[in-house]
Amino acid sequence: MSVRENLRVMVVDDMGVSRALVTNALDEMGVVHYAAEADPKAALAKLTAAPVHLVLCDMNMPGMNGLQLLDALRRHPATANIGFIVITGSPTPDIIQQGQKLRLNNLVPKPFTTAGLRTAIEQVIGKRL
C-alpha cells in the first residue's frame, strides 16, 4: 500500500469552506483516510480516542485555537507525537515562536495551493504522496 492509502489525517477548521478546500486538496493528492471536524474540542476528544498520523488545523477558531489544540495533543501520551500543521492567513512571528515551543511540524499560509499543502505534508511525513 502507498503512503496516501495508509496516511490518516484529521482536518480541523470551524469554517466549512476552509474545511472543504483542505479536504478537496487531500482528495487531489489521493489521500483516502481523513476526517474533518469543525469544533477543535470535539477534534481533541476524537484524536485522543483514535489518534491519526497528521492534523491539518486552522489557527483561529472559537473556544480553542490551533496552537491550543496542539498543546493539548502534546500533553496526552497517545497523541504527543502526531504530526501537526497549522494553516493560517496570518503567520505572525508570535505564532511561529509559540509553534516552535510546542513542536509544531509545519505552517501553511492561506491562501494555499494543493502543491504547497502537499509539500508541507511531505516535509512532515518524510515521504512523497
N, C-alpha and C. Protein backbone atom coordinates (compact mmCIF):
# COMPACT_ATOMS: atom_id res chain seq x y z
N MET A 1 0.84 -1.20 0.00
CA MET A 1 0.00 0.00 0.00
C MET A 1 0.87 1.25 0.00
N SER A 2 0.40 2.26 -0.68
CA SER A 2 1.16 3.51 -0.75
C SER A 2 0.91 4.37 0.48
N VAL A 3 1.74 5.40 0.64
CA VAL A 3 1.60 6.32 1.76
C VAL A 3 0.21 6.94 1.74
N ARG A 4 -0.25 7.36 0.58
CA ARG A 4 -1.55 8.04 0.52
C ARG A 4 -2.70 7.11 0.88
N GLU A 5 -2.51 5.80 0.73
CA GLU A 5 -3.56 4.86 1.12
C GLU A 5 -3.52 4.53 2.61
N ASN A 6 -2.39 4.77 3.26
CA ASN A 6 -2.24 4.46 4.68
C ASN A 6 -2.36 5.68 5.59
N LEU A 7 -2.03 6.85 5.10
CA LEU A 7 -2.00 8.07 5.91
C LEU A 7 -3.39 8.40 6.45
N ARG A 8 -3.47 8.61 7.77
CA ARG A 8 -4.73 9.01 8.41
C ARG A 8 -4.59 10.47 8.86
N VAL A 9 -5.54 11.30 8.42
CA VAL A 9 -5.47 12.74 8.64
C VAL A 9 -6.77 13.24 9.27
N MET A 10 -6.63 14.22 10.16
CA MET A 10 -7.78 14.94 10.71
C MET A 10 -7.65 16.40 10.30
N VAL A 11 -8.69 16.94 9.69
CA VAL A 11 -8.76 18.35 9.30
C VAL A 11 -9.63 19.05 10.33
N VAL A 12 -9.11 20.12 10.93
CA VAL A 12 -9.86 20.85 11.96
C VAL A 12 -9.96 22.32 11.54
N ASP A 13 -11.17 22.76 11.27
CA ASP A 13 -11.41 24.16 10.88
C ASP A 13 -12.87 24.47 11.13
N ASP A 14 -13.14 25.59 11.77
CA ASP A 14 -14.52 25.96 12.08
C ASP A 14 -15.30 26.46 10.87
N MET A 15 -14.62 26.78 9.79
CA MET A 15 -15.27 27.30 8.58
C MET A 15 -15.45 26.18 7.56
N GLY A 16 -16.69 25.94 7.17
CA GLY A 16 -16.99 24.86 6.24
C GLY A 16 -16.27 24.98 4.91
N VAL A 17 -16.18 26.19 4.38
CA VAL A 17 -15.50 26.40 3.09
C VAL A 17 -14.02 26.04 3.22
N SER A 18 -13.40 26.45 4.31
CA SER A 18 -11.98 26.15 4.51
C SER A 18 -11.76 24.65 4.67
N ARG A 19 -12.64 23.97 5.43
CA ARG A 19 -12.53 22.52 5.57
C ARG A 19 -12.63 21.86 4.20
N ALA A 20 -13.57 22.35 3.39
CA ALA A 20 -13.76 21.77 2.06
C ALA A 20 -12.54 21.98 1.17
N LEU A 21 -11.90 23.15 1.26
CA LEU A 21 -10.70 23.40 0.47
C LEU A 21 -9.58 22.43 0.85
N VAL A 22 -9.42 22.18 2.14
CA VAL A 22 -8.36 21.26 2.58
C VAL A 22 -8.70 19.84 2.18
N THR A 23 -9.94 19.41 2.40
CA THR A 23 -10.30 18.03 2.05
C THR A 23 -10.27 17.82 0.54
N ASN A 24 -10.63 18.84 -0.24
CA ASN A 24 -10.52 18.72 -1.70
C ASN A 24 -9.07 18.54 -2.12
N ALA A 25 -8.16 19.28 -1.46
CA ALA A 25 -6.73 19.13 -1.75
C ALA A 25 -6.27 17.72 -1.40
N LEU A 26 -6.73 17.18 -0.26
CA LEU A 26 -6.38 15.81 0.11
C LEU A 26 -6.89 14.82 -0.94
N ASP A 27 -8.13 15.05 -1.41
CA ASP A 27 -8.68 14.20 -2.48
C ASP A 27 -7.79 14.26 -3.72
N GLU A 28 -7.37 15.46 -4.11
CA GLU A 28 -6.49 15.62 -5.28
C GLU A 28 -5.17 14.88 -5.11
N MET A 29 -4.68 14.80 -3.87
CA MET A 29 -3.43 14.10 -3.58
C MET A 29 -3.62 12.60 -3.52
N GLY A 30 -4.86 12.15 -3.45
CA GLY A 30 -5.13 10.73 -3.35
C GLY A 30 -5.14 10.20 -1.93
N VAL A 31 -5.19 11.11 -0.94
CA VAL A 31 -5.30 10.68 0.46
C VAL A 31 -6.74 10.23 0.68
N VAL A 32 -6.91 9.01 1.18
CA VAL A 32 -8.26 8.45 1.29
C VAL A 32 -8.80 8.37 2.71
N HIS A 33 -7.92 8.39 3.71
CA HIS A 33 -8.37 8.26 5.10
C HIS A 33 -8.24 9.60 5.81
N TYR A 34 -9.32 10.36 5.78
CA TYR A 34 -9.32 11.62 6.51
C TYR A 34 -10.70 11.88 7.09
N ALA A 35 -10.72 12.64 8.15
CA ALA A 35 -11.95 13.09 8.78
C ALA A 35 -11.84 14.60 8.94
N ALA A 36 -12.98 15.26 9.01
CA ALA A 36 -13.00 16.71 9.19
C ALA A 36 -13.87 17.04 10.39
N GLU A 37 -13.41 18.01 11.16
CA GLU A 37 -14.12 18.41 12.37
C GLU A 37 -14.14 19.94 12.45
N ALA A 38 -15.33 20.49 12.77
CA ALA A 38 -15.48 21.94 12.89
C ALA A 38 -15.08 22.46 14.27
N ASP A 39 -15.23 21.63 15.29
CA ASP A 39 -15.00 22.05 16.67
C ASP A 39 -13.69 21.47 17.18
N PRO A 40 -12.72 22.32 17.54
CA PRO A 40 -11.43 21.80 17.99
C PRO A 40 -11.52 20.95 19.26
N LYS A 41 -12.47 21.26 20.15
CA LYS A 41 -12.62 20.46 21.37
C LYS A 41 -13.14 19.06 21.03
N ALA A 42 -14.06 18.98 20.08
CA ALA A 42 -14.54 17.67 19.63
C ALA A 42 -13.43 16.92 18.92
N ALA A 43 -12.62 17.64 18.15
CA ALA A 43 -11.48 17.02 17.47
C ALA A 43 -10.51 16.44 18.49
N LEU A 44 -10.25 17.17 19.57
CA LEU A 44 -9.35 16.69 20.62
C LEU A 44 -9.87 15.38 21.21
N ALA A 45 -11.15 15.31 21.50
CA ALA A 45 -11.73 14.09 22.05
C ALA A 45 -11.58 12.93 21.07
N LYS A 46 -11.86 13.18 19.80
CA LYS A 46 -11.73 12.12 18.79
C LYS A 46 -10.28 11.68 18.61
N LEU A 47 -9.37 12.64 18.62
CA LEU A 47 -7.95 12.32 18.42
C LEU A 47 -7.36 11.54 19.60
N THR A 48 -7.77 11.86 20.80
CA THR A 48 -7.25 11.12 21.95
C THR A 48 -7.82 9.70 21.97
N ALA A 49 -9.03 9.53 21.46
CA ALA A 49 -9.65 8.20 21.40
C ALA A 49 -9.09 7.37 20.25
N ALA A 50 -8.79 8.03 19.14
CA ALA A 50 -8.31 7.33 17.95
C ALA A 50 -7.30 8.23 17.23
N PRO A 51 -6.03 8.21 17.65
CA PRO A 51 -5.02 9.08 17.05
C PRO A 51 -4.85 8.84 15.54
N VAL A 52 -4.46 9.91 14.86
CA VAL A 52 -4.16 9.85 13.42
C VAL A 52 -2.67 10.12 13.24
N HIS A 53 -2.21 10.09 12.00
CA HIS A 53 -0.81 10.40 11.71
C HIS A 53 -0.56 11.91 11.65
N LEU A 54 -1.58 12.67 11.18
CA LEU A 54 -1.37 14.07 10.87
C LEU A 54 -2.64 14.87 11.11
N VAL A 55 -2.48 16.07 11.69
CA VAL A 55 -3.59 17.01 11.87
C VAL A 55 -3.28 18.25 11.02
N LEU A 56 -4.26 18.66 10.23
CA LEU A 56 -4.19 19.91 9.47
C LEU A 56 -5.21 20.84 10.12
N CYS A 57 -4.74 21.91 10.74
CA CYS A 57 -5.60 22.70 11.63
C CYS A 57 -5.54 24.19 11.34
N ASP A 58 -6.70 24.81 11.30
CA ASP A 58 -6.79 26.26 11.21
C ASP A 58 -6.25 26.86 12.51
N MET A 59 -5.74 28.07 12.43
CA MET A 59 -5.21 28.73 13.62
C MET A 59 -6.31 29.38 14.45
N ASN A 60 -7.16 30.17 13.81
CA ASN A 60 -8.14 30.98 14.53
C ASN A 60 -9.51 30.32 14.53
N MET A 61 -9.89 29.79 15.70
CA MET A 61 -11.19 29.16 15.87
C MET A 61 -11.73 29.56 17.24
N PRO A 62 -13.04 29.63 17.38
CA PRO A 62 -13.61 29.99 18.69
C PRO A 62 -13.43 28.86 19.70
N GLY A 63 -13.16 29.24 20.95
CA GLY A 63 -13.06 28.26 22.02
C GLY A 63 -11.68 27.67 22.22
N MET A 64 -10.99 27.40 21.14
CA MET A 64 -9.65 26.80 21.20
C MET A 64 -8.98 27.05 19.86
N ASN A 65 -7.85 27.74 19.86
CA ASN A 65 -7.17 27.99 18.59
C ASN A 65 -6.27 26.80 18.23
N GLY A 66 -5.66 26.86 17.08
CA GLY A 66 -4.84 25.76 16.61
C GLY A 66 -3.68 25.41 17.53
N LEU A 67 -3.01 26.42 18.07
CA LEU A 67 -1.88 26.14 18.96
C LEU A 67 -2.35 25.59 20.30
N GLN A 68 -3.52 25.99 20.75
CA GLN A 68 -4.07 25.41 21.99
C GLN A 68 -4.41 23.93 21.78
N LEU A 69 -4.94 23.60 20.61
CA LEU A 69 -5.20 22.20 20.29
C LEU A 69 -3.88 21.43 20.24
N LEU A 70 -2.88 22.00 19.59
CA LEU A 70 -1.57 21.36 19.53
C LEU A 70 -1.02 21.12 20.93
N ASP A 71 -1.11 22.11 21.79
CA ASP A 71 -0.62 21.98 23.16
C ASP A 71 -1.33 20.84 23.88
N ALA A 72 -2.65 20.76 23.74
CA ALA A 72 -3.42 19.69 24.38
C ALA A 72 -3.00 18.32 23.84
N LEU A 73 -2.76 18.23 22.55
CA LEU A 73 -2.32 16.95 21.96
C LEU A 73 -0.93 16.56 22.46
N ARG A 74 -0.03 17.52 22.56
CA ARG A 74 1.33 17.23 23.01
C ARG A 74 1.35 16.77 24.47
N ARG A 75 0.36 17.15 25.25
CA ARG A 75 0.30 16.78 26.67
C ARG A 75 -0.27 15.38 26.89
N HIS A 76 -0.87 14.78 25.89
CA HIS A 76 -1.50 13.47 26.02
C HIS A 76 -0.58 12.41 25.42
N PRO A 77 -0.23 11.38 26.17
CA PRO A 77 0.73 10.38 25.68
C PRO A 77 0.35 9.75 24.33
N ALA A 78 -0.93 9.48 24.10
CA ALA A 78 -1.34 8.83 22.86
C ALA A 78 -1.23 9.73 21.64
N THR A 79 -1.21 11.05 21.87
CA THR A 79 -1.21 11.99 20.75
C THR A 79 0.03 12.89 20.73
N ALA A 80 0.96 12.66 21.61
CA ALA A 80 2.11 13.56 21.78
C ALA A 80 2.96 13.68 20.52
N ASN A 81 2.96 12.67 19.68
CA ASN A 81 3.83 12.69 18.50
C ASN A 81 3.10 12.79 17.17
N ILE A 82 1.83 13.15 17.22
CA ILE A 82 1.07 13.35 15.98
C ILE A 82 1.69 14.50 15.20
N GLY A 83 1.82 14.33 13.88
CA GLY A 83 2.25 15.42 13.03
C GLY A 83 1.18 16.51 13.04
N PHE A 84 1.61 17.77 13.07
CA PHE A 84 0.65 18.87 13.20
C PHE A 84 1.07 20.02 12.31
N ILE A 85 0.16 20.43 11.43
CA ILE A 85 0.38 21.56 10.53
C ILE A 85 -0.71 22.59 10.77
N VAL A 86 -0.31 23.81 11.05
CA VAL A 86 -1.26 24.92 11.19
C VAL A 86 -1.41 25.59 9.82
N ILE A 87 -2.64 25.91 9.49
CA ILE A 87 -2.96 26.65 8.27
C ILE A 87 -3.52 27.99 8.72
N THR A 88 -2.86 29.09 8.32
CA THR A 88 -3.28 30.40 8.81
C THR A 88 -3.11 31.49 7.77
N GLY A 89 -4.00 32.46 7.86
CA GLY A 89 -3.89 33.63 6.99
C GLY A 89 -2.94 34.67 7.56
N SER A 90 -2.54 34.52 8.83
CA SER A 90 -1.61 35.47 9.45
C SER A 90 -0.51 34.74 10.19
N PRO A 91 0.51 34.30 9.47
CA PRO A 91 1.63 33.60 10.11
C PRO A 91 2.59 34.59 10.80
N THR A 92 2.16 35.10 11.95
CA THR A 92 2.94 36.11 12.67
C THR A 92 4.16 35.47 13.33
N PRO A 93 5.17 36.27 13.64
CA PRO A 93 6.33 35.74 14.37
C PRO A 93 5.93 35.10 15.71
N ASP A 94 4.91 35.66 16.37
CA ASP A 94 4.46 35.11 17.63
C ASP A 94 3.90 33.69 17.45
N ILE A 95 3.09 33.49 16.42
CA ILE A 95 2.55 32.16 16.13
C ILE A 95 3.69 31.18 15.85
N ILE A 96 4.65 31.61 15.05
CA ILE A 96 5.79 30.76 14.71
C ILE A 96 6.59 30.41 15.96
N GLN A 97 6.83 31.39 16.81
CA GLN A 97 7.60 31.15 18.04
C GLN A 97 6.86 30.21 18.99
N GLN A 98 5.57 30.47 19.20
CA GLN A 98 4.77 29.59 20.06
C GLN A 98 4.73 28.18 19.48
N GLY A 99 4.56 28.10 18.16
CA GLY A 99 4.52 26.80 17.50
C GLY A 99 5.81 26.01 17.68
N GLN A 100 6.94 26.68 17.60
CA GLN A 100 8.23 26.00 17.80
C GLN A 100 8.33 25.42 19.20
N LYS A 101 7.85 26.16 20.20
CA LYS A 101 7.88 25.66 21.58
C LYS A 101 7.02 24.42 21.75
N LEU A 102 5.95 24.33 20.96
CA LEU A 102 5.02 23.21 21.07
C LEU A 102 5.33 22.08 20.07
N ARG A 103 6.46 22.19 19.39
CA ARG A 103 6.85 21.20 18.38
C ARG A 103 5.87 21.15 17.20
N LEU A 104 5.46 22.33 16.75
CA LEU A 104 4.66 22.42 15.54
C LEU A 104 5.51 21.90 14.39
N ASN A 105 4.94 21.04 13.56
CA ASN A 105 5.72 20.43 12.49
C ASN A 105 5.83 21.29 11.24
N ASN A 106 4.80 22.09 10.97
CA ASN A 106 4.85 22.93 9.77
C ASN A 106 3.73 23.95 9.83
N LEU A 107 3.84 24.96 8.99
CA LEU A 107 2.84 26.02 8.89
C LEU A 107 2.61 26.30 7.42
N VAL A 108 1.34 26.40 7.05
CA VAL A 108 0.97 26.69 5.66
C VAL A 108 0.19 28.00 5.65
N PRO A 109 0.68 29.00 4.90
CA PRO A 109 -0.06 30.26 4.83
C PRO A 109 -1.26 30.15 3.89
N LYS A 110 -2.34 30.86 4.25
CA LYS A 110 -3.51 30.98 3.37
C LYS A 110 -3.30 32.20 2.49
N PRO A 111 -3.76 32.19 1.28
CA PRO A 111 -4.34 31.04 0.58
C PRO A 111 -3.25 30.05 0.19
N PHE A 112 -3.61 28.78 0.13
CA PHE A 112 -2.63 27.75 -0.21
C PHE A 112 -3.05 27.06 -1.50
N THR A 113 -2.10 26.37 -2.09
CA THR A 113 -2.38 25.55 -3.27
C THR A 113 -2.26 24.09 -2.85
N THR A 114 -2.81 23.21 -3.64
CA THR A 114 -2.66 21.78 -3.37
C THR A 114 -1.19 21.40 -3.36
N ALA A 115 -0.42 21.94 -4.30
CA ALA A 115 1.01 21.64 -4.37
C ALA A 115 1.73 22.12 -3.11
N GLY A 116 1.40 23.30 -2.62
CA GLY A 116 2.02 23.82 -1.41
C GLY A 116 1.65 23.00 -0.18
N LEU A 117 0.40 22.57 -0.10
CA LEU A 117 -0.02 21.73 1.02
C LEU A 117 0.66 20.37 0.95
N ARG A 118 0.76 19.82 -0.26
CA ARG A 118 1.44 18.53 -0.44
C ARG A 118 2.90 18.62 0.04
N THR A 119 3.59 19.69 -0.34
CA THR A 119 4.98 19.88 0.07
C THR A 119 5.08 19.95 1.59
N ALA A 120 4.18 20.70 2.22
CA ALA A 120 4.19 20.83 3.69
C ALA A 120 3.95 19.48 4.35
N ILE A 121 3.02 18.70 3.82
CA ILE A 121 2.74 17.37 4.38
C ILE A 121 3.95 16.46 4.19
N GLU A 122 4.53 16.47 3.02
CA GLU A 122 5.69 15.61 2.75
C GLU A 122 6.87 15.97 3.66
N GLN A 123 7.01 17.23 3.99
CA GLN A 123 8.08 17.65 4.90
C GLN A 123 7.87 17.07 6.29
N VAL A 124 6.62 16.82 6.66
CA VAL A 124 6.30 16.27 7.98
C VAL A 124 6.40 14.74 7.98
N ILE A 125 5.83 14.11 6.96
CA ILE A 125 5.79 12.64 6.97
C ILE A 125 7.05 12.02 6.39
N GLY A 126 7.85 12.83 5.70
CA GLY A 126 9.13 12.34 5.19
C GLY A 126 9.02 11.44 3.98
N LYS A 127 7.86 11.41 3.36
CA LYS A 127 7.67 10.56 2.19
C LYS A 127 6.84 11.31 1.16
N ARG A 128 6.95 10.89 -0.07
CA ARG A 128 6.17 11.51 -1.15
C ARG A 128 4.77 10.97 -1.18
N LEU A 129 3.83 11.87 -1.42
CA LEU A 129 2.43 11.47 -1.59
C LEU A 129 2.16 11.17 -3.05
